């Protein structure tokens, strides 16, 4: 279900929504409250080892349980994307980030409990302090260090992750020329 369809009642005055057209933004015909359905923000880390392999994690929870992704997650209120990335990578795999370089952003759809949330994913290439990976928060079932083959990319949970990793892989290829 699209996010805008969830708004059947005004969150300010409780009036039932009179119409669903246009779906965005939500405007209450009684009190005038307006809600925009812009994306929430999330971050993803492209972590590499000394052999050039990329760290991917296997998701322990839905959406896309069992699929591959990058360490990362949603940005909390009052948190920058860089702060969120440091927090998420540390929470998910126990690796402190030493440096990061912004790569790209991509839109994504995240379906949680039947509601489809628009997301803007921001991806960074990061250098981490390498030591034993620890899955600390229960969001990660497993992890792999891997080359970015098409077979691996086909196992990714979200198209936005694939686009970022393809861009990263393409830049590696052009650097080798």
N, C-alpha and C. Protein backbone atom coordinates (compact mmCIF):
# COMPACT_ATOMS: atom_id res chain seq x y z
N UNK A 1 0.85 -1.17 0.00
CA UNK A 1 0.00 0.00 0.00
C UNK A 1 0.90 1.23 0.00
N UNK A 2 0.62 2.14 -0.89
CA UNK A 2 1.38 3.38 -0.96
C UNK A 2 1.15 4.19 0.32
N UNK A 3 2.19 4.95 0.72
CA UNK A 3 2.13 5.74 1.95
C UNK A 3 0.93 6.67 1.95
N UNK A 4 0.68 7.34 0.83
CA UNK A 4 -0.43 8.30 0.80
C UNK A 4 -1.79 7.64 1.03
N UNK A 5 -1.93 6.35 0.70
CA UNK A 5 -3.19 5.65 0.93
C UNK A 5 -3.43 5.37 2.41
N UNK A 6 -2.36 5.36 3.20
CA UNK A 6 -2.47 5.12 4.64
C UNK A 6 -3.14 6.31 5.34
N UNK A 7 -2.99 7.49 4.76
CA UNK A 7 -3.54 8.72 5.35
C UNK A 7 -5.04 8.81 5.06
N UNK A 8 -5.82 8.02 5.75
CA UNK A 8 -7.28 8.06 5.58
C UNK A 8 -7.91 9.15 6.44
N UNK A 9 -7.18 9.56 7.48
CA UNK A 9 -7.67 10.58 8.40
C UNK A 9 -6.58 11.62 8.60
N UNK A 10 -6.99 12.84 8.80
CA UNK A 10 -6.04 13.91 9.05
C UNK A 10 -5.34 13.65 10.37
N UNK A 11 -3.99 13.70 10.40
CA UNK A 11 -3.29 13.45 11.66
C UNK A 11 -3.41 14.59 12.66
N UNK A 12 -3.96 15.74 12.24
CA UNK A 12 -4.10 16.88 13.15
C UNK A 12 -5.51 16.94 13.73
N UNK A 13 -6.55 16.92 12.87
CA UNK A 13 -7.92 17.09 13.38
C UNK A 13 -8.76 15.82 13.33
N UNK A 14 -8.27 14.77 12.66
CA UNK A 14 -8.99 13.49 12.64
C UNK A 14 -10.08 13.39 11.59
N UNK A 15 -10.25 14.39 10.76
CA UNK A 15 -11.28 14.35 9.73
C UNK A 15 -10.94 13.29 8.68
N UNK A 16 -11.98 12.52 8.27
CA UNK A 16 -11.76 11.51 7.24
C UNK A 16 -11.42 12.19 5.92
N UNK A 17 -10.47 11.62 5.23
CA UNK A 17 -10.03 12.15 3.93
C UNK A 17 -11.18 12.08 2.94
N UNK A 18 -11.47 13.20 2.30
CA UNK A 18 -12.60 13.27 1.37
C UNK A 18 -12.27 12.67 0.01
N UNK A 19 -11.02 12.81 -0.41
CA UNK A 19 -10.64 12.37 -1.74
C UNK A 19 -9.20 11.91 -1.72
N UNK A 20 -8.85 11.01 -2.62
CA UNK A 20 -7.48 10.54 -2.74
C UNK A 20 -6.81 11.10 -3.99
N UNK A 21 -7.47 12.03 -4.64
CA UNK A 21 -6.89 12.64 -5.85
C UNK A 21 -6.74 14.13 -5.62
N UNK A 22 -5.63 14.75 -5.85
CA UNK A 22 -4.36 14.06 -6.08
C UNK A 22 -3.85 13.43 -4.79
N UNK A 23 -3.10 12.36 -4.92
CA UNK A 23 -2.64 11.61 -3.75
C UNK A 23 -1.61 12.38 -2.94
N UNK A 24 -0.79 13.19 -3.60
CA UNK A 24 0.25 13.92 -2.88
C UNK A 24 0.10 15.39 -3.21
N UNK A 25 0.30 16.27 -2.31
CA UNK A 25 0.39 16.01 -0.87
C UNK A 25 -0.99 15.78 -0.27
N UNK A 26 -1.00 15.31 0.96
CA UNK A 26 -2.26 15.18 1.69
C UNK A 26 -2.64 16.57 2.18
N UNK A 27 -3.87 17.00 1.85
CA UNK A 27 -4.38 18.29 2.35
C UNK A 27 -5.74 18.05 2.98
N UNK A 28 -5.85 18.41 4.25
CA UNK A 28 -7.13 18.26 4.95
C UNK A 28 -8.06 19.38 4.49
N UNK A 29 -9.26 19.00 4.07
CA UNK A 29 -10.23 19.99 3.60
C UNK A 29 -10.90 20.74 4.76
N UNK A 30 -10.67 20.30 6.01
CA UNK A 30 -11.27 20.97 7.16
C UNK A 30 -10.28 21.92 7.83
N UNK A 31 -9.13 21.41 8.26
CA UNK A 31 -8.19 22.26 9.01
C UNK A 31 -7.05 22.81 8.15
N UNK A 32 -6.90 22.30 6.94
CA UNK A 32 -5.86 22.79 6.05
C UNK A 32 -4.49 22.17 6.24
N UNK A 33 -4.37 21.21 7.18
CA UNK A 33 -3.07 20.55 7.38
C UNK A 33 -2.60 19.92 6.07
N UNK A 34 -1.30 20.04 5.80
CA UNK A 34 -0.71 19.45 4.60
C UNK A 34 0.44 18.53 5.02
N UNK A 35 0.46 17.34 4.46
CA UNK A 35 1.57 16.40 4.67
C UNK A 35 2.13 16.03 3.31
N UNK A 36 3.43 16.23 3.15
CA UNK A 36 4.11 15.82 1.92
C UNK A 36 4.65 14.43 2.13
N UNK A 37 4.67 13.64 1.09
CA UNK A 37 5.13 12.26 1.20
C UNK A 37 6.50 12.11 0.56
N UNK A 38 7.42 12.98 0.98
CA UNK A 38 8.79 12.91 0.49
C UNK A 38 9.50 11.71 1.07
N UNK A 39 10.64 11.40 0.52
CA UNK A 39 11.35 10.20 0.98
C UNK A 39 12.01 10.40 2.34
N UNK A 40 12.15 9.27 3.04
CA UNK A 40 13.00 9.24 4.22
C UNK A 40 14.42 8.99 3.72
N UNK A 41 15.41 9.32 4.50
CA UNK A 41 16.80 9.21 4.07
C UNK A 41 17.48 8.00 4.70
N UNK A 42 18.33 7.36 3.90
CA UNK A 42 19.09 6.20 4.37
C UNK A 42 20.49 6.25 3.77
N UNK A 43 21.39 5.48 4.38
CA UNK A 43 22.79 5.45 3.93
C UNK A 43 23.25 4.00 3.74
N UNK A 44 24.23 3.84 2.87
CA UNK A 44 24.84 2.54 2.64
C UNK A 44 26.33 2.69 2.49
N UNK A 45 27.09 1.73 3.02
CA UNK A 45 28.55 1.78 3.00
C UNK A 45 29.12 0.72 2.06
N UNK A 46 29.99 1.16 1.16
CA UNK A 46 30.76 0.24 0.34
C UNK A 46 32.11 0.09 1.05
N UNK A 47 32.25 -1.05 1.73
CA UNK A 47 33.44 -1.35 2.53
C UNK A 47 34.27 -2.35 1.74
N UNK A 48 35.57 -2.07 1.56
CA UNK A 48 36.44 -2.98 0.84
C UNK A 48 37.59 -3.45 1.73
N UNK A 49 38.16 -4.60 1.36
CA UNK A 49 39.34 -5.08 2.07
C UNK A 49 40.59 -4.83 1.22
N UNK A 50 41.73 -5.27 1.67
CA UNK A 50 43.00 -5.01 0.98
C UNK A 50 43.08 -5.73 -0.37
N UNK A 51 42.25 -6.74 -0.59
CA UNK A 51 42.22 -7.46 -1.87
C UNK A 51 41.19 -6.87 -2.84
N UNK A 52 40.50 -5.81 -2.42
CA UNK A 52 39.50 -5.19 -3.28
C UNK A 52 38.13 -5.84 -3.22
N UNK A 53 37.95 -6.78 -2.32
CA UNK A 53 36.64 -7.41 -2.16
C UNK A 53 35.74 -6.48 -1.35
N UNK A 54 34.43 -6.58 -1.60
CA UNK A 54 33.43 -5.72 -0.95
C UNK A 54 32.70 -6.52 0.12
N UNK A 55 32.45 -5.87 1.24
CA UNK A 55 31.68 -6.49 2.33
C UNK A 55 30.20 -6.33 2.04
N UNK A 56 29.50 -7.44 1.94
CA UNK A 56 28.04 -7.43 1.82
C UNK A 56 27.47 -8.23 2.98
N UNK A 57 26.29 -7.82 3.41
CA UNK A 57 25.64 -8.47 4.55
C UNK A 57 24.35 -9.14 4.09
N UNK A 58 24.01 -10.24 4.75
CA UNK A 58 22.76 -10.94 4.46
C UNK A 58 21.72 -10.48 5.47
N UNK A 59 20.60 -10.00 4.97
CA UNK A 59 19.56 -9.41 5.81
C UNK A 59 18.88 -10.49 6.66
N UNK A 60 18.74 -10.21 7.95
CA UNK A 60 18.09 -11.15 8.88
C UNK A 60 16.59 -10.92 8.98
N UNK A 61 16.12 -9.76 8.50
CA UNK A 61 14.70 -9.40 8.65
C UNK A 61 14.12 -8.92 7.32
N UNK A 62 12.80 -8.95 7.25
CA UNK A 62 12.11 -8.36 6.11
C UNK A 62 12.13 -6.84 6.24
N UNK A 63 12.06 -6.13 5.16
CA UNK A 63 11.88 -6.65 3.82
C UNK A 63 13.17 -7.27 3.27
N UNK A 64 12.98 -8.21 2.34
CA UNK A 64 14.08 -8.86 1.63
C UNK A 64 14.96 -9.71 2.54
N UNK A 65 14.36 -10.37 3.51
CA UNK A 65 15.10 -11.26 4.40
C UNK A 65 15.86 -12.29 3.57
N UNK A 66 17.13 -12.49 3.91
CA UNK A 66 17.96 -13.46 3.21
C UNK A 66 18.71 -12.90 2.02
N UNK A 67 18.34 -11.73 1.55
CA UNK A 67 19.02 -11.10 0.42
C UNK A 67 20.24 -10.33 0.91
N UNK A 68 21.10 -9.98 -0.04
CA UNK A 68 22.31 -9.24 0.29
C UNK A 68 22.08 -7.73 0.28
N UNK A 69 22.85 -7.03 1.08
CA UNK A 69 22.82 -5.58 1.11
C UNK A 69 24.16 -5.07 1.62
N UNK A 70 24.21 -3.78 1.81
CA UNK A 70 25.41 -3.15 2.37
C UNK A 70 25.14 -2.79 3.82
N UNK A 71 26.18 -2.68 4.63
CA UNK A 71 25.95 -2.12 5.96
C UNK A 71 25.37 -0.71 5.80
N UNK A 72 24.37 -0.39 6.58
CA UNK A 72 23.74 0.92 6.48
C UNK A 72 22.35 0.90 7.07
N UNK A 73 21.63 1.98 6.89
CA UNK A 73 20.28 2.05 7.41
C UNK A 73 19.74 3.46 7.38
N UNK A 74 18.64 3.66 8.07
CA UNK A 74 17.95 4.95 8.07
C UNK A 74 18.68 5.98 8.91
N UNK A 75 18.57 7.22 8.48
CA UNK A 75 19.15 8.35 9.21
C UNK A 75 18.16 8.76 10.30
N UNK A 76 18.65 8.91 11.51
CA UNK A 76 17.80 9.34 12.63
C UNK A 76 17.60 10.85 12.61
N UNK A 77 16.54 11.34 13.26
CA UNK A 77 16.37 12.79 13.37
C UNK A 77 17.60 13.43 14.02
N UNK A 78 17.93 14.63 13.58
CA UNK A 78 19.07 15.39 14.10
C UNK A 78 20.40 14.70 13.88
N UNK A 79 20.51 13.90 12.80
CA UNK A 79 21.73 13.17 12.50
C UNK A 79 22.09 13.45 11.03
N UNK A 80 23.36 13.69 10.75
CA UNK A 80 23.79 13.87 9.37
C UNK A 80 23.93 12.49 8.71
N UNK A 81 24.04 12.48 7.39
CA UNK A 81 24.22 11.20 6.70
C UNK A 81 25.55 10.56 7.11
N UNK A 82 26.57 11.38 7.32
CA UNK A 82 27.87 10.85 7.74
C UNK A 82 27.80 10.26 9.15
N UNK A 83 27.12 10.93 10.05
CA UNK A 83 26.96 10.39 11.40
C UNK A 83 26.16 9.09 11.38
N UNK A 84 25.12 9.05 10.57
CA UNK A 84 24.30 7.84 10.46
C UNK A 84 25.11 6.68 9.91
N UNK A 85 25.93 6.96 8.91
CA UNK A 85 26.74 5.90 8.32
C UNK A 85 27.71 5.32 9.34
N UNK A 86 28.38 6.18 10.09
CA UNK A 86 29.30 5.71 11.14
C UNK A 86 28.56 4.86 12.17
N UNK A 87 27.39 5.34 12.59
CA UNK A 87 26.60 4.62 13.60
C UNK A 87 26.14 3.26 13.05
N UNK A 88 25.59 3.26 11.86
CA UNK A 88 25.04 2.02 11.29
C UNK A 88 26.11 0.96 11.04
N UNK A 89 27.25 1.36 10.49
CA UNK A 89 28.31 0.39 10.22
C UNK A 89 28.84 -0.19 11.54
N UNK A 90 28.99 0.65 12.53
CA UNK A 90 29.44 0.17 13.84
C UNK A 90 28.39 -0.75 14.47
N UNK A 91 27.11 -0.37 14.40
CA UNK A 91 26.04 -1.20 14.97
C UNK A 91 25.91 -2.53 14.26
N UNK A 92 26.01 -2.52 12.94
CA UNK A 92 25.71 -3.74 12.18
C UNK A 92 26.87 -4.71 12.08
N UNK A 93 28.09 -4.19 11.92
CA UNK A 93 29.23 -5.10 11.73
C UNK A 93 30.41 -4.82 12.65
N UNK A 94 30.28 -3.83 13.54
CA UNK A 94 31.30 -3.57 14.54
C UNK A 94 32.59 -2.97 13.99
N UNK A 95 32.53 -2.32 12.82
CA UNK A 95 33.74 -1.75 12.23
C UNK A 95 33.68 -0.23 12.28
N UNK A 96 34.64 0.40 12.97
CA UNK A 96 34.67 1.87 12.99
C UNK A 96 35.12 2.41 11.62
N UNK A 97 34.45 3.46 11.15
CA UNK A 97 34.81 4.10 9.88
C UNK A 97 35.93 5.09 10.13
N UNK A 98 36.98 5.00 9.30
CA UNK A 98 38.11 5.91 9.38
C UNK A 98 37.94 7.09 8.42
N UNK A 99 37.38 6.81 7.22
CA UNK A 99 37.14 7.87 6.24
C UNK A 99 36.02 7.43 5.31
N UNK A 100 35.42 8.41 4.65
CA UNK A 100 34.34 8.11 3.70
C UNK A 100 34.34 9.12 2.58
N UNK A 101 33.91 8.64 1.40
CA UNK A 101 33.78 9.49 0.22
C UNK A 101 32.41 9.24 -0.38
N UNK A 102 31.65 10.31 -0.57
CA UNK A 102 30.31 10.18 -1.16
C UNK A 102 30.43 9.64 -2.58
N UNK A 103 29.56 8.68 -2.93
CA UNK A 103 29.55 8.10 -4.27
C UNK A 103 28.35 8.55 -5.08
N UNK A 104 27.13 8.29 -4.57
CA UNK A 104 25.92 8.59 -5.33
C UNK A 104 24.70 8.44 -4.43
N UNK A 105 23.55 8.83 -4.98
CA UNK A 105 22.28 8.59 -4.30
C UNK A 105 21.33 7.93 -5.30
N UNK A 106 20.31 7.28 -4.78
CA UNK A 106 19.33 6.62 -5.64
C UNK A 106 18.02 6.47 -4.87
N UNK A 107 16.90 6.63 -5.58
CA UNK A 107 15.60 6.39 -4.93
C UNK A 107 15.39 4.91 -4.68
N UNK A 108 14.59 4.61 -3.69
CA UNK A 108 14.32 3.23 -3.30
C UNK A 108 12.90 3.18 -2.75
N UNK A 109 12.32 2.00 -2.74
CA UNK A 109 11.02 1.76 -2.10
C UNK A 109 11.25 0.72 -1.02
N UNK A 110 10.76 0.99 0.18
CA UNK A 110 10.95 0.11 1.32
C UNK A 110 9.57 -0.26 1.83
N UNK A 111 9.19 -1.51 1.68
CA UNK A 111 7.87 -1.96 2.12
C UNK A 111 8.00 -2.54 3.53
N UNK A 112 7.32 -1.88 4.48
CA UNK A 112 7.37 -2.31 5.86
C UNK A 112 5.94 -2.48 6.37
N UNK A 113 5.63 -3.70 6.78
CA UNK A 113 4.29 -4.04 7.28
C UNK A 113 3.19 -3.60 6.32
N UNK A 114 3.46 -3.81 5.03
CA UNK A 114 2.47 -3.53 4.00
C UNK A 114 2.42 -2.10 3.52
N UNK A 115 3.20 -1.20 4.11
CA UNK A 115 3.21 0.20 3.69
C UNK A 115 4.50 0.47 2.93
N UNK A 116 4.36 1.02 1.73
CA UNK A 116 5.51 1.33 0.88
C UNK A 116 6.02 2.74 1.17
N UNK A 117 7.23 2.82 1.68
CA UNK A 117 7.84 4.10 2.02
C UNK A 117 8.83 4.51 0.94
N UNK A 118 8.73 5.74 0.45
CA UNK A 118 9.77 6.21 -0.48
C UNK A 118 11.03 6.54 0.32
N UNK A 119 12.18 6.13 -0.20
CA UNK A 119 13.45 6.31 0.49
C UNK A 119 14.46 6.92 -0.49
N UNK A 120 15.31 7.79 0.00
CA UNK A 120 16.45 8.27 -0.76
C UNK A 120 17.69 7.67 -0.10
N UNK A 121 18.35 6.75 -0.82
CA UNK A 121 19.56 6.10 -0.32
C UNK A 121 20.78 6.89 -0.77
N UNK A 122 21.70 7.13 0.16
CA UNK A 122 22.97 7.81 -0.12
C UNK A 122 24.09 6.83 0.15
N UNK A 123 24.99 6.68 -0.82
CA UNK A 123 26.04 5.67 -0.74
C UNK A 123 27.41 6.31 -0.64
N UNK A 124 28.24 5.72 0.22
CA UNK A 124 29.60 6.19 0.46
C UNK A 124 30.57 5.03 0.32
N UNK A 125 31.74 5.31 -0.23
CA UNK A 125 32.86 4.36 -0.20
C UNK A 125 33.62 4.68 1.08
N UNK A 126 33.82 3.68 1.92
CA UNK A 126 34.40 3.94 3.23
C UNK A 126 35.67 3.12 3.46
N UNK A 127 36.52 3.66 4.29
CA UNK A 127 37.67 2.93 4.81
C UNK A 127 37.35 2.66 6.28
N UNK A 128 37.52 1.42 6.68
CA UNK A 128 37.21 1.04 8.05
C UNK A 128 38.46 0.53 8.75
N UNK A 129 38.39 0.53 10.07
CA UNK A 129 39.41 -0.12 10.88
C UNK A 129 39.11 -1.61 10.81
N UNK A 130 39.98 -2.38 10.16
CA UNK A 130 39.70 -3.80 9.95
C UNK A 130 40.02 -4.62 11.19
N UNK A 131 39.05 -5.37 11.61
CA UNK A 131 39.21 -6.38 12.65
C UNK A 131 38.04 -7.33 12.49
N UNK A 132 37.86 -8.23 13.42
CA UNK A 132 36.82 -9.24 13.29
C UNK A 132 35.43 -8.58 13.22
N UNK A 133 34.63 -9.03 12.27
CA UNK A 133 33.27 -8.51 12.12
C UNK A 133 32.40 -9.09 13.22
N UNK A 134 31.61 -8.21 13.81
CA UNK A 134 30.68 -8.61 14.86
C UNK A 134 29.29 -8.14 14.46
N UNK A 135 28.35 -9.07 14.37
CA UNK A 135 26.97 -8.66 14.09
C UNK A 135 26.31 -8.36 15.42
N UNK A 136 26.11 -7.08 15.68
CA UNK A 136 25.73 -6.63 17.01
C UNK A 136 24.24 -6.38 17.20
N UNK A 137 23.52 -5.98 16.15
CA UNK A 137 22.15 -5.51 16.37
C UNK A 137 21.06 -6.46 15.91
N UNK A 138 21.40 -7.64 15.42
CA UNK A 138 20.40 -8.61 15.00
C UNK A 138 19.81 -8.38 13.63
N UNK A 139 20.26 -7.34 12.92
CA UNK A 139 19.74 -7.07 11.58
C UNK A 139 20.47 -7.87 10.51
N UNK A 140 21.63 -8.43 10.86
CA UNK A 140 22.48 -9.11 9.91
C UNK A 140 22.53 -10.60 10.26
N UNK A 141 22.21 -11.46 9.28
CA UNK A 141 22.27 -12.90 9.48
C UNK A 141 23.67 -13.44 9.21
N UNK A 142 24.38 -12.82 8.26
CA UNK A 142 25.70 -13.29 7.86
C UNK A 142 26.36 -12.19 7.02
N UNK A 143 27.59 -12.39 6.64
CA UNK A 143 28.29 -11.44 5.78
C UNK A 143 29.25 -12.19 4.89
N UNK A 144 29.63 -11.54 3.80
CA UNK A 144 30.62 -12.10 2.89
C UNK A 144 31.52 -10.99 2.38
N UNK A 145 32.78 -11.34 2.11
CA UNK A 145 33.68 -10.48 1.36
C UNK A 145 33.67 -11.06 -0.05
N UNK A 146 33.35 -10.25 -1.07
CA UNK A 146 33.12 -10.79 -2.40
C UNK A 146 33.53 -9.83 -3.49
N UNK A 147 33.80 -10.40 -4.66
CA UNK A 147 33.92 -9.59 -5.87
C UNK A 147 32.52 -9.23 -6.32
N UNK A 148 32.39 -8.14 -7.05
CA UNK A 148 31.07 -7.68 -7.49
C UNK A 148 30.71 -8.27 -8.86
N UNK A 149 30.50 -9.58 -8.86
CA UNK A 149 30.09 -10.27 -10.09
C UNK A 149 28.60 -10.03 -10.33
N UNK A 150 28.15 -10.27 -11.55
CA UNK A 150 26.72 -10.16 -11.83
C UNK A 150 25.91 -11.12 -10.98
N UNK A 151 26.46 -12.32 -10.71
CA UNK A 151 25.76 -13.30 -9.87
C UNK A 151 25.52 -12.74 -8.47
N UNK A 152 26.52 -12.07 -7.91
CA UNK A 152 26.39 -11.46 -6.59
C UNK A 152 25.40 -10.29 -6.65
N UNK A 153 25.53 -9.43 -7.65
CA UNK A 153 24.63 -8.28 -7.78
C UNK A 153 23.17 -8.72 -7.93
N UNK A 154 22.93 -9.87 -8.53
CA UNK A 154 21.55 -10.39 -8.69
C UNK A 154 20.93 -10.82 -7.36
N UNK A 155 21.74 -10.92 -6.30
CA UNK A 155 21.24 -11.34 -4.99
C UNK A 155 20.93 -10.16 -4.07
N UNK A 156 21.08 -8.94 -4.59
CA UNK A 156 20.88 -7.76 -3.73
C UNK A 156 19.41 -7.52 -3.43
N UNK A 157 19.16 -7.02 -2.23
CA UNK A 157 17.81 -6.78 -1.75
C UNK A 157 17.12 -5.63 -2.47
N UNK A 158 17.88 -4.59 -2.81
CA UNK A 158 17.26 -3.36 -3.33
C UNK A 158 17.95 -2.90 -4.61
N UNK A 159 17.17 -2.48 -5.60
CA UNK A 159 17.75 -1.97 -6.85
C UNK A 159 18.71 -0.80 -6.63
N UNK A 160 18.45 0.03 -5.63
CA UNK A 160 19.33 1.17 -5.38
C UNK A 160 20.74 0.70 -5.00
N UNK A 161 20.82 -0.39 -4.23
CA UNK A 161 22.11 -0.95 -3.85
C UNK A 161 22.85 -1.45 -5.08
N UNK A 162 22.12 -2.10 -5.96
CA UNK A 162 22.74 -2.61 -7.19
C UNK A 162 23.28 -1.46 -8.03
N UNK A 163 22.50 -0.40 -8.20
CA UNK A 163 22.96 0.74 -9.00
C UNK A 163 24.24 1.34 -8.42
N UNK A 164 24.29 1.50 -7.12
CA UNK A 164 25.49 2.07 -6.48
C UNK A 164 26.69 1.15 -6.67
N UNK A 165 26.50 -0.15 -6.49
CA UNK A 165 27.62 -1.08 -6.62
C UNK A 165 28.06 -1.22 -8.08
N UNK A 166 27.14 -1.13 -9.02
CA UNK A 166 27.53 -1.13 -10.43
C UNK A 166 28.34 0.12 -10.77
N UNK A 167 27.93 1.26 -10.24
CA UNK A 167 28.68 2.49 -10.45
C UNK A 167 30.09 2.35 -9.86
N UNK A 168 30.16 1.84 -8.65
CA UNK A 168 31.46 1.62 -8.00
C UNK A 168 32.31 0.67 -8.83
N UNK A 169 31.74 -0.45 -9.26
CA UNK A 169 32.46 -1.43 -10.07
C UNK A 169 32.94 -0.81 -11.39
N UNK A 170 32.11 0.02 -12.00
CA UNK A 170 32.50 0.68 -13.25
C UNK A 170 33.66 1.64 -13.06
N UNK A 171 33.67 2.33 -11.95
CA UNK A 171 34.78 3.26 -11.65
C UNK A 171 36.08 2.49 -11.42
N UNK A 172 35.97 1.29 -10.81
CA UNK A 172 37.17 0.46 -10.62
C UNK A 172 37.72 0.04 -11.97
N UNK A 173 36.82 -0.33 -12.87
CA UNK A 173 37.23 -0.76 -14.21
C UNK A 173 37.91 0.35 -14.98
N UNK A 174 37.41 1.59 -14.86
CA UNK A 174 38.01 2.71 -15.59
C UNK A 174 39.35 3.13 -14.97
N UNK A 175 39.51 2.89 -13.67
CA UNK A 175 40.79 3.21 -13.02
C UNK A 175 41.88 2.25 -13.47
N UNK A 176 41.48 1.04 -13.84
CA UNK A 176 42.46 0.02 -14.22
C UNK A 176 42.99 0.24 -15.63
N UNK A 177 42.33 1.05 -16.44
CA UNK A 177 42.74 1.28 -17.84
C UNK A 177 43.94 2.18 -17.92
